[in-house]
Amino acid sequence: MSALPAGINPIVRALPHAEWYVAITASDMPARPGAASPAQISEWIAQGVERLGEVEVWRRFDRTRALVSADESPKGLAEWRTLWPSRRRANTACDLAWRLHHFLADHGVRSGPIPRWREVPVAVSGREVWYERVNERDIEMVERLGELVKAGAA
């Protein structure tokens, strides 16, 4: 694994690239960040994670993923607007995340962890069991979210 370039916050290795958008949006990123440096972008990611917590960053990304793939109902659109109240801010966060991704790639650094998959039973019919590939990060975050709910912190 290549070393991170100087000034890049190591949080970028812990979060999948798609979750960077949520973290940047939750940070103090200005409305017009201009030519923000890769180091500054990584700090906004770290700030967003600190502000929301890693589980909440994942939860918001997971809800976004679900809404994009399925729910165009008025309720779904209302939830989308709650998750992403400013289209401009969301687009800016996306652009910044891609800018950092390309910067890291140019330095031989992978953005985010390598996804790992697990076969999980999702349905049983008679003696047949169906399995689905599930990202291990999703499994980990659901377990952590469950712990927070049990502790009354979510």
N, C-alpha and C. Protein backbone atom coordinates (compact mmCIF):
# COMPACT_ATOMS: atom_id res chain seq x y z
N MET A 1 0.85 -1.17 0.00
CA MET A 1 0.00 0.00 0.00
C MET A 1 0.90 1.24 0.00
N SER A 2 0.62 2.15 -0.92
CA SER A 2 1.41 3.37 -1.02
C SER A 2 1.14 4.30 0.16
N ALA A 3 2.17 5.05 0.52
CA ALA A 3 2.03 6.02 1.60
C ALA A 3 1.17 7.19 1.12
N LEU A 4 0.42 7.75 2.05
CA LEU A 4 -0.38 8.92 1.73
C LEU A 4 0.54 10.11 1.47
N PRO A 5 0.21 10.95 0.50
CA PRO A 5 0.99 12.17 0.30
C PRO A 5 0.92 13.05 1.55
N ALA A 6 1.92 13.88 1.74
CA ALA A 6 1.98 14.77 2.91
C ALA A 6 0.73 15.62 3.01
N GLY A 7 0.22 15.73 4.24
CA GLY A 7 -0.92 16.59 4.52
C GLY A 7 -2.28 15.94 4.34
N ILE A 8 -2.33 14.74 3.80
CA ILE A 8 -3.61 14.06 3.58
C ILE A 8 -4.01 13.32 4.85
N ASN A 9 -5.21 13.60 5.34
CA ASN A 9 -5.71 12.97 6.56
C ASN A 9 -5.94 11.48 6.31
N PRO A 10 -5.45 10.61 7.19
CA PRO A 10 -5.59 9.16 6.99
C PRO A 10 -7.03 8.65 6.96
N ILE A 11 -8.00 9.48 7.36
CA ILE A 11 -9.41 9.04 7.33
C ILE A 11 -9.81 8.61 5.92
N VAL A 12 -9.13 9.14 4.91
CA VAL A 12 -9.51 8.79 3.53
C VAL A 12 -9.30 7.31 3.24
N ARG A 13 -8.44 6.66 3.99
CA ARG A 13 -8.25 5.21 3.80
C ARG A 13 -9.36 4.40 4.46
N ALA A 14 -10.00 4.95 5.48
CA ALA A 14 -11.01 4.21 6.25
C ALA A 14 -12.38 4.24 5.61
N LEU A 15 -12.70 5.33 4.90
CA LEU A 15 -14.04 5.47 4.33
C LEU A 15 -14.05 5.16 2.85
N PRO A 16 -15.06 4.45 2.38
CA PRO A 16 -15.22 4.30 0.93
C PRO A 16 -15.43 5.67 0.30
N HIS A 17 -14.95 5.82 -0.90
CA HIS A 17 -15.01 7.09 -1.63
C HIS A 17 -16.40 7.70 -1.61
N ALA A 18 -17.43 6.90 -1.82
CA ALA A 18 -18.80 7.43 -1.90
C ALA A 18 -19.25 8.08 -0.58
N GLU A 19 -18.71 7.63 0.54
CA GLU A 19 -19.07 8.24 1.82
C GLU A 19 -18.38 9.58 2.03
N TRP A 20 -17.36 9.86 1.24
CA TRP A 20 -16.68 11.15 1.35
C TRP A 20 -17.67 12.28 1.08
N TYR A 21 -18.60 12.07 0.13
CA TYR A 21 -19.56 13.13 -0.22
C TYR A 21 -20.35 13.57 1.02
N VAL A 22 -20.84 12.58 1.75
CA VAL A 22 -21.63 12.88 2.95
C VAL A 22 -20.79 13.64 3.96
N ALA A 23 -19.57 13.16 4.19
CA ALA A 23 -18.70 13.80 5.18
C ALA A 23 -18.36 15.23 4.77
N ILE A 24 -18.03 15.44 3.51
CA ILE A 24 -17.69 16.79 3.05
C ILE A 24 -18.89 17.71 3.22
N THR A 25 -20.08 17.22 2.86
CA THR A 25 -21.29 18.04 2.98
C THR A 25 -21.53 18.46 4.42
N ALA A 26 -21.19 17.59 5.39
CA ALA A 26 -21.41 17.89 6.81
C ALA A 26 -20.32 18.76 7.42
N SER A 27 -19.29 19.06 6.65
CA SER A 27 -18.16 19.84 7.17
C SER A 27 -18.41 21.34 7.04
N ASP A 28 -17.39 22.10 7.40
CA ASP A 28 -17.44 23.56 7.25
C ASP A 28 -16.99 24.01 5.86
N MET A 29 -17.07 23.12 4.87
CA MET A 29 -16.71 23.50 3.52
C MET A 29 -17.46 24.77 3.13
N PRO A 30 -16.75 25.79 2.63
CA PRO A 30 -17.46 27.00 2.23
C PRO A 30 -18.32 26.75 0.98
N ALA A 31 -19.27 27.62 0.75
CA ALA A 31 -20.16 27.47 -0.40
C ALA A 31 -19.39 27.47 -1.71
N ARG A 32 -18.32 28.20 -1.77
CA ARG A 32 -17.49 28.26 -2.98
C ARG A 32 -16.04 27.95 -2.57
N PRO A 33 -15.68 26.66 -2.51
CA PRO A 33 -14.34 26.29 -2.03
C PRO A 33 -13.21 26.59 -2.99
N GLY A 34 -13.54 26.94 -4.23
CA GLY A 34 -12.49 27.28 -5.19
C GLY A 34 -11.51 26.15 -5.38
N ALA A 35 -10.24 26.50 -5.43
CA ALA A 35 -9.18 25.52 -5.69
C ALA A 35 -8.67 24.94 -4.38
N ALA A 36 -9.57 24.37 -3.60
CA ALA A 36 -9.17 23.76 -2.33
C ALA A 36 -8.12 22.68 -2.59
N SER A 37 -7.13 22.64 -1.72
CA SER A 37 -6.06 21.64 -1.87
C SER A 37 -6.57 20.26 -1.48
N PRO A 38 -5.92 19.21 -1.98
CA PRO A 38 -6.29 17.86 -1.55
C PRO A 38 -6.22 17.70 -0.03
N ALA A 39 -5.23 18.33 0.60
CA ALA A 39 -5.12 18.23 2.06
C ALA A 39 -6.34 18.87 2.73
N GLN A 40 -6.80 20.01 2.21
CA GLN A 40 -7.98 20.67 2.76
C GLN A 40 -9.22 19.80 2.59
N ILE A 41 -9.35 19.19 1.42
CA ILE A 41 -10.50 18.31 1.16
C ILE A 41 -10.50 17.15 2.15
N SER A 42 -9.33 16.56 2.38
CA SER A 42 -9.26 15.44 3.33
C SER A 42 -9.60 15.91 4.75
N GLU A 43 -9.26 17.14 5.09
CA GLU A 43 -9.62 17.68 6.41
C GLU A 43 -11.13 17.89 6.53
N TRP A 44 -11.78 18.31 5.44
CA TRP A 44 -13.24 18.44 5.47
C TRP A 44 -13.89 17.07 5.66
N ILE A 45 -13.31 16.04 5.03
CA ILE A 45 -13.83 14.68 5.24
C ILE A 45 -13.71 14.31 6.72
N ALA A 46 -12.54 14.55 7.29
CA ALA A 46 -12.32 14.22 8.71
C ALA A 46 -13.27 15.01 9.60
N GLN A 47 -13.48 16.28 9.28
CA GLN A 47 -14.38 17.11 10.08
C GLN A 47 -15.81 16.60 10.00
N GLY A 48 -16.26 16.22 8.81
CA GLY A 48 -17.62 15.69 8.65
C GLY A 48 -17.81 14.39 9.43
N VAL A 49 -16.80 13.53 9.40
CA VAL A 49 -16.88 12.27 10.16
C VAL A 49 -16.90 12.56 11.65
N GLU A 50 -16.08 13.50 12.08
CA GLU A 50 -16.07 13.86 13.51
C GLU A 50 -17.43 14.44 13.92
N ARG A 51 -18.00 15.25 13.07
CA ARG A 51 -19.27 15.91 13.38
C ARG A 51 -20.43 14.92 13.44
N LEU A 52 -20.50 14.02 12.45
CA LEU A 52 -21.64 13.09 12.36
C LEU A 52 -21.38 11.75 13.03
N GLY A 53 -20.14 11.32 13.04
CA GLY A 53 -19.79 9.96 13.45
C GLY A 53 -19.78 9.06 12.22
N GLU A 54 -18.90 8.09 12.22
CA GLU A 54 -18.73 7.22 11.05
C GLU A 54 -20.01 6.45 10.71
N VAL A 55 -20.74 5.99 11.72
CA VAL A 55 -21.96 5.23 11.47
C VAL A 55 -23.01 6.11 10.79
N GLU A 56 -23.14 7.35 11.23
CA GLU A 56 -24.13 8.25 10.62
C GLU A 56 -23.73 8.63 9.20
N VAL A 57 -22.44 8.80 8.95
CA VAL A 57 -22.00 9.05 7.57
C VAL A 57 -22.43 7.88 6.70
N TRP A 58 -22.16 6.66 7.17
CA TRP A 58 -22.55 5.47 6.40
C TRP A 58 -24.07 5.41 6.24
N ARG A 59 -24.82 5.67 7.32
CA ARG A 59 -26.29 5.58 7.25
C ARG A 59 -26.85 6.54 6.21
N ARG A 60 -26.34 7.76 6.19
CA ARG A 60 -26.83 8.72 5.20
C ARG A 60 -26.48 8.29 3.78
N PHE A 61 -25.28 7.76 3.61
CA PHE A 61 -24.92 7.24 2.28
C PHE A 61 -25.82 6.06 1.91
N ASP A 62 -26.05 5.15 2.86
CA ASP A 62 -26.89 3.98 2.60
C ASP A 62 -28.31 4.39 2.21
N ARG A 63 -28.86 5.38 2.91
CA ARG A 63 -30.21 5.86 2.55
C ARG A 63 -30.21 6.48 1.16
N THR A 64 -29.16 7.24 0.86
CA THR A 64 -29.05 7.83 -0.48
C THR A 64 -29.02 6.75 -1.53
N ARG A 65 -28.22 5.72 -1.30
CA ARG A 65 -28.09 4.60 -2.24
C ARG A 65 -29.45 3.93 -2.44
N ALA A 66 -30.20 3.74 -1.36
CA ALA A 66 -31.52 3.10 -1.46
C ALA A 66 -32.50 3.99 -2.23
N LEU A 67 -32.46 5.28 -1.95
CA LEU A 67 -33.39 6.20 -2.62
C LEU A 67 -33.09 6.33 -4.11
N VAL A 68 -31.82 6.35 -4.45
CA VAL A 68 -31.44 6.46 -5.86
C VAL A 68 -31.93 5.25 -6.64
N SER A 69 -31.85 4.09 -6.03
CA SER A 69 -32.19 2.88 -6.76
C SER A 69 -33.66 2.51 -6.72
N ALA A 70 -34.47 3.18 -5.89
CA ALA A 70 -35.83 2.68 -5.78
C ALA A 70 -36.94 3.69 -5.59
N ASP A 71 -36.74 4.70 -4.78
CA ASP A 71 -37.88 5.42 -4.23
C ASP A 71 -38.06 6.82 -4.81
N GLU A 72 -38.99 6.96 -5.75
CA GLU A 72 -39.31 8.27 -6.29
C GLU A 72 -40.68 8.75 -5.81
N SER A 73 -41.16 8.16 -4.73
CA SER A 73 -42.44 8.57 -4.15
C SER A 73 -42.27 9.93 -3.48
N PRO A 74 -43.38 10.61 -3.18
CA PRO A 74 -43.26 11.89 -2.45
C PRO A 74 -42.50 11.73 -1.13
N LYS A 75 -42.72 10.61 -0.44
CA LYS A 75 -42.01 10.36 0.81
C LYS A 75 -40.50 10.21 0.55
N GLY A 76 -40.16 9.47 -0.50
CA GLY A 76 -38.76 9.28 -0.86
C GLY A 76 -38.09 10.59 -1.25
N LEU A 77 -38.81 11.41 -2.03
CA LEU A 77 -38.26 12.71 -2.42
C LEU A 77 -38.08 13.63 -1.21
N ALA A 78 -39.01 13.56 -0.27
CA ALA A 78 -38.88 14.36 0.96
C ALA A 78 -37.65 13.91 1.76
N GLU A 79 -37.43 12.61 1.84
CA GLU A 79 -36.26 12.11 2.55
C GLU A 79 -34.99 12.55 1.83
N TRP A 80 -35.01 12.51 0.49
CA TRP A 80 -33.86 12.95 -0.29
C TRP A 80 -33.52 14.40 0.04
N ARG A 81 -34.55 15.25 0.10
CA ARG A 81 -34.33 16.68 0.39
C ARG A 81 -33.80 16.87 1.82
N THR A 82 -34.18 15.98 2.73
CA THR A 82 -33.65 16.05 4.09
C THR A 82 -32.17 15.67 4.11
N LEU A 83 -31.83 14.62 3.37
CA LEU A 83 -30.43 14.17 3.30
C LEU A 83 -29.55 15.17 2.55
N TRP A 84 -30.08 15.75 1.50
CA TRP A 84 -29.33 16.64 0.61
C TRP A 84 -30.12 17.93 0.39
N PRO A 85 -30.20 18.80 1.40
CA PRO A 85 -31.03 20.00 1.29
C PRO A 85 -30.54 20.99 0.23
N SER A 86 -29.26 20.97 -0.09
CA SER A 86 -28.72 21.88 -1.09
C SER A 86 -28.09 21.09 -2.23
N ARG A 87 -28.70 21.17 -3.38
CA ARG A 87 -28.15 20.47 -4.56
C ARG A 87 -26.75 20.99 -4.87
N ARG A 88 -26.57 22.30 -4.78
CA ARG A 88 -25.26 22.89 -5.08
C ARG A 88 -24.19 22.35 -4.12
N ARG A 89 -24.52 22.29 -2.81
CA ARG A 89 -23.55 21.79 -1.84
C ARG A 89 -23.22 20.32 -2.09
N ALA A 90 -24.24 19.54 -2.40
CA ALA A 90 -24.01 18.12 -2.69
C ALA A 90 -23.14 17.95 -3.93
N ASN A 91 -23.41 18.72 -4.98
CA ASN A 91 -22.61 18.63 -6.20
C ASN A 91 -21.17 19.08 -5.95
N THR A 92 -21.01 20.13 -5.15
CA THR A 92 -19.66 20.60 -4.82
C THR A 92 -18.91 19.53 -4.04
N ALA A 93 -19.57 18.90 -3.07
CA ALA A 93 -18.94 17.83 -2.29
C ALA A 93 -18.52 16.68 -3.20
N CYS A 94 -19.37 16.33 -4.13
CA CYS A 94 -19.06 15.26 -5.08
C CYS A 94 -17.84 15.64 -5.92
N ASP A 95 -17.82 16.86 -6.43
CA ASP A 95 -16.68 17.32 -7.23
C ASP A 95 -15.38 17.29 -6.43
N LEU A 96 -15.45 17.74 -5.18
CA LEU A 96 -14.25 17.74 -4.33
C LEU A 96 -13.77 16.32 -4.05
N ALA A 97 -14.70 15.42 -3.79
CA ALA A 97 -14.33 14.03 -3.53
C ALA A 97 -13.63 13.43 -4.75
N TRP A 98 -14.15 13.71 -5.93
CA TRP A 98 -13.50 13.20 -7.15
C TRP A 98 -12.14 13.85 -7.35
N ARG A 99 -12.02 15.13 -7.03
CA ARG A 99 -10.72 15.80 -7.15
C ARG A 99 -9.69 15.11 -6.27
N LEU A 100 -10.08 14.80 -5.01
CA LEU A 100 -9.17 14.11 -4.10
C LEU A 100 -8.88 12.70 -4.60
N HIS A 101 -9.90 12.01 -5.08
CA HIS A 101 -9.72 10.66 -5.62
C HIS A 101 -8.66 10.66 -6.72
N HIS A 102 -8.77 11.59 -7.67
CA HIS A 102 -7.81 11.64 -8.78
C HIS A 102 -6.41 12.04 -8.31
N PHE A 103 -6.34 12.94 -7.34
CA PHE A 103 -5.05 13.31 -6.77
C PHE A 103 -4.37 12.08 -6.16
N LEU A 104 -5.12 11.32 -5.37
CA LEU A 104 -4.54 10.13 -4.75
C LEU A 104 -4.14 9.10 -5.81
N ALA A 105 -4.99 8.91 -6.82
CA ALA A 105 -4.67 7.95 -7.89
C ALA A 105 -3.38 8.36 -8.60
N ASP A 106 -3.21 9.66 -8.84
CA ASP A 106 -1.98 10.15 -9.48
C ASP A 106 -0.74 9.87 -8.63
N HIS A 107 -0.94 9.68 -7.31
CA HIS A 107 0.16 9.36 -6.40
C HIS A 107 0.21 7.87 -6.05
N GLY A 108 -0.55 7.07 -6.78
CA GLY A 108 -0.53 5.62 -6.57
C GLY A 108 -1.21 5.17 -5.30
N VAL A 109 -2.15 5.97 -4.80
CA VAL A 109 -2.84 5.65 -3.54
C VAL A 109 -4.30 5.34 -3.84
N ARG A 110 -4.77 4.22 -3.33
CA ARG A 110 -6.18 3.85 -3.49
C ARG A 110 -7.03 4.71 -2.56
N SER A 111 -8.17 5.17 -3.05
CA SER A 111 -9.06 5.96 -2.20
C SER A 111 -10.06 5.03 -1.53
N GLY A 112 -9.97 4.95 -0.22
CA GLY A 112 -10.88 4.09 0.54
C GLY A 112 -10.39 2.66 0.61
N PRO A 113 -11.04 1.88 1.45
CA PRO A 113 -10.64 0.47 1.62
C PRO A 113 -11.07 -0.37 0.42
N ILE A 114 -10.42 -1.51 0.25
CA ILE A 114 -10.81 -2.46 -0.78
C ILE A 114 -12.09 -3.15 -0.31
N PRO A 115 -13.15 -3.10 -1.12
CA PRO A 115 -14.40 -3.75 -0.69
C PRO A 115 -14.22 -5.26 -0.52
N ARG A 116 -14.80 -5.79 0.54
CA ARG A 116 -14.82 -7.23 0.76
C ARG A 116 -16.29 -7.65 0.82
N TRP A 117 -16.57 -8.82 0.30
CA TRP A 117 -17.95 -9.28 0.18
C TRP A 117 -18.15 -10.57 0.95
N ARG A 118 -19.36 -10.76 1.42
CA ARG A 118 -19.71 -11.98 2.16
C ARG A 118 -21.05 -12.48 1.63
N GLU A 119 -21.16 -13.78 1.48
CA GLU A 119 -22.42 -14.39 1.09
C GLU A 119 -23.29 -14.53 2.34
N VAL A 120 -24.47 -13.93 2.31
CA VAL A 120 -25.35 -13.89 3.47
C VAL A 120 -26.69 -14.52 3.10
N PRO A 121 -27.22 -15.42 3.95
CA PRO A 121 -28.54 -15.97 3.64
C PRO A 121 -29.61 -14.89 3.74
N VAL A 122 -30.44 -14.77 2.71
CA VAL A 122 -31.47 -13.73 2.71
C VAL A 122 -32.89 -14.28 2.65
N ALA A 123 -33.03 -15.55 2.28
CA ALA A 123 -34.38 -16.13 2.21
C ALA A 123 -34.29 -17.65 2.31
N VAL A 124 -35.34 -18.22 2.86
CA VAL A 124 -35.44 -19.68 2.98
C VAL A 124 -36.81 -20.08 2.45
N SER A 125 -36.83 -21.11 1.61
CA SER A 125 -38.08 -21.65 1.09
C SER A 125 -37.97 -23.16 1.13
N GLY A 126 -38.73 -23.74 2.03
CA GLY A 126 -38.61 -25.20 2.19
C GLY A 126 -37.22 -25.53 2.69
N ARG A 127 -36.49 -26.29 1.89
CA ARG A 127 -35.11 -26.63 2.27
C ARG A 127 -34.08 -25.79 1.50
N GLU A 128 -34.56 -24.88 0.68
CA GLU A 128 -33.65 -24.06 -0.11
C GLU A 128 -33.32 -22.75 0.61
N VAL A 129 -32.06 -22.39 0.57
CA VAL A 129 -31.63 -21.12 1.15
C VAL A 129 -31.01 -20.29 0.03
N TRP A 130 -31.44 -19.03 -0.07
CA TRP A 130 -30.86 -18.13 -1.06
C TRP A 130 -29.88 -17.20 -0.38
N TYR A 131 -28.81 -16.94 -1.08
CA TYR A 131 -27.76 -16.08 -0.55
C TYR A 131 -27.59 -14.86 -1.45
N GLU A 132 -27.12 -13.79 -0.83
CA GLU A 132 -26.83 -12.57 -1.57
C GLU A 132 -25.47 -12.06 -1.13
N ARG A 133 -24.72 -11.52 -2.09
CA ARG A 133 -23.43 -10.90 -1.76
C ARG A 133 -23.69 -9.56 -1.08
N VAL A 134 -23.09 -9.39 0.10
CA VAL A 134 -23.26 -8.15 0.85
C VAL A 134 -21.87 -7.62 1.20
N ASN A 135 -21.71 -6.31 1.02
CA ASN A 135 -20.45 -5.67 1.35
C ASN A 135 -20.23 -5.77 2.87
N GLU A 136 -19.03 -6.21 3.26
CA GLU A 136 -18.75 -6.37 4.69
C GLU A 136 -18.85 -5.05 5.46
N ARG A 137 -18.56 -3.93 4.79
CA ARG A 137 -18.72 -2.63 5.46
C ARG A 137 -20.17 -2.40 5.86
N ASP A 138 -21.10 -2.77 4.97
CA ASP A 138 -22.52 -2.62 5.30
C ASP A 138 -22.87 -3.48 6.52
N ILE A 139 -22.36 -4.70 6.56
CA ILE A 139 -22.63 -5.58 7.70
C ILE A 139 -22.07 -4.96 8.98
N GLU A 140 -20.82 -4.48 8.91
CA GLU A 140 -20.19 -3.87 10.09
C GLU A 140 -20.98 -2.64 10.56
N MET A 141 -21.38 -1.79 9.63
CA MET A 141 -22.08 -0.56 10.02
C MET A 141 -23.47 -0.86 10.58
N VAL A 142 -24.16 -1.84 10.04
CA VAL A 142 -25.47 -2.23 10.58
C VAL A 142 -25.30 -2.75 12.01
N GLU A 143 -24.27 -3.54 12.24
CA GLU A 143 -24.01 -4.04 13.60
C GLU A 143 -23.70 -2.88 14.55
N ARG A 144 -22.88 -1.93 14.11
CA ARG A 144 -22.55 -0.78 14.96
C ARG A 144 -23.77 0.10 15.20
N LEU A 145 -24.59 0.29 14.18
CA LEU A 145 -25.83 1.05 14.34
C LEU A 145 -26.74 0.37 15.36
N GLY A 146 -26.84 -0.96 15.28
CA GLY A 146 -27.64 -1.71 16.25
C GLY A 146 -27.15 -1.52 17.67
N GLU A 147 -25.82 -1.49 17.86
CA GLU A 147 -25.25 -1.26 19.19
C GLU A 147 -25.62 0.14 19.69
N LEU A 148 -25.57 1.14 18.79
CA LEU A 148 -25.93 2.50 19.19
C LEU A 148 -27.41 2.59 19.57
N VAL A 149 -28.26 1.90 18.82
CA VAL A 149 -29.70 1.91 19.12
C VAL A 149 -29.94 1.27 20.49
N LYS A 150 -29.29 0.11 20.74
CA LYS A 150 -29.45 -0.55 22.04
C LYS A 150 -28.98 0.33 23.19
N ALA A 151 -27.94 1.10 22.94
CA ALA A 151 -27.39 1.97 23.99
C ALA A 151 -28.18 3.27 24.10
N GLY A 152 -29.15 3.46 23.21
CA GLY A 152 -29.96 4.68 23.24
C GLY A 152 -29.25 5.90 22.66
N ALA A 153 -28.19 5.66 21.89
CA ALA A 153 -27.42 6.77 21.33
C ALA A 153 -27.77 7.08 19.89
N ALA A 154 -28.71 6.35 19.32
CA ALA A 154 -29.07 6.62 17.91
C ALA A 154 -30.56 6.82 17.78
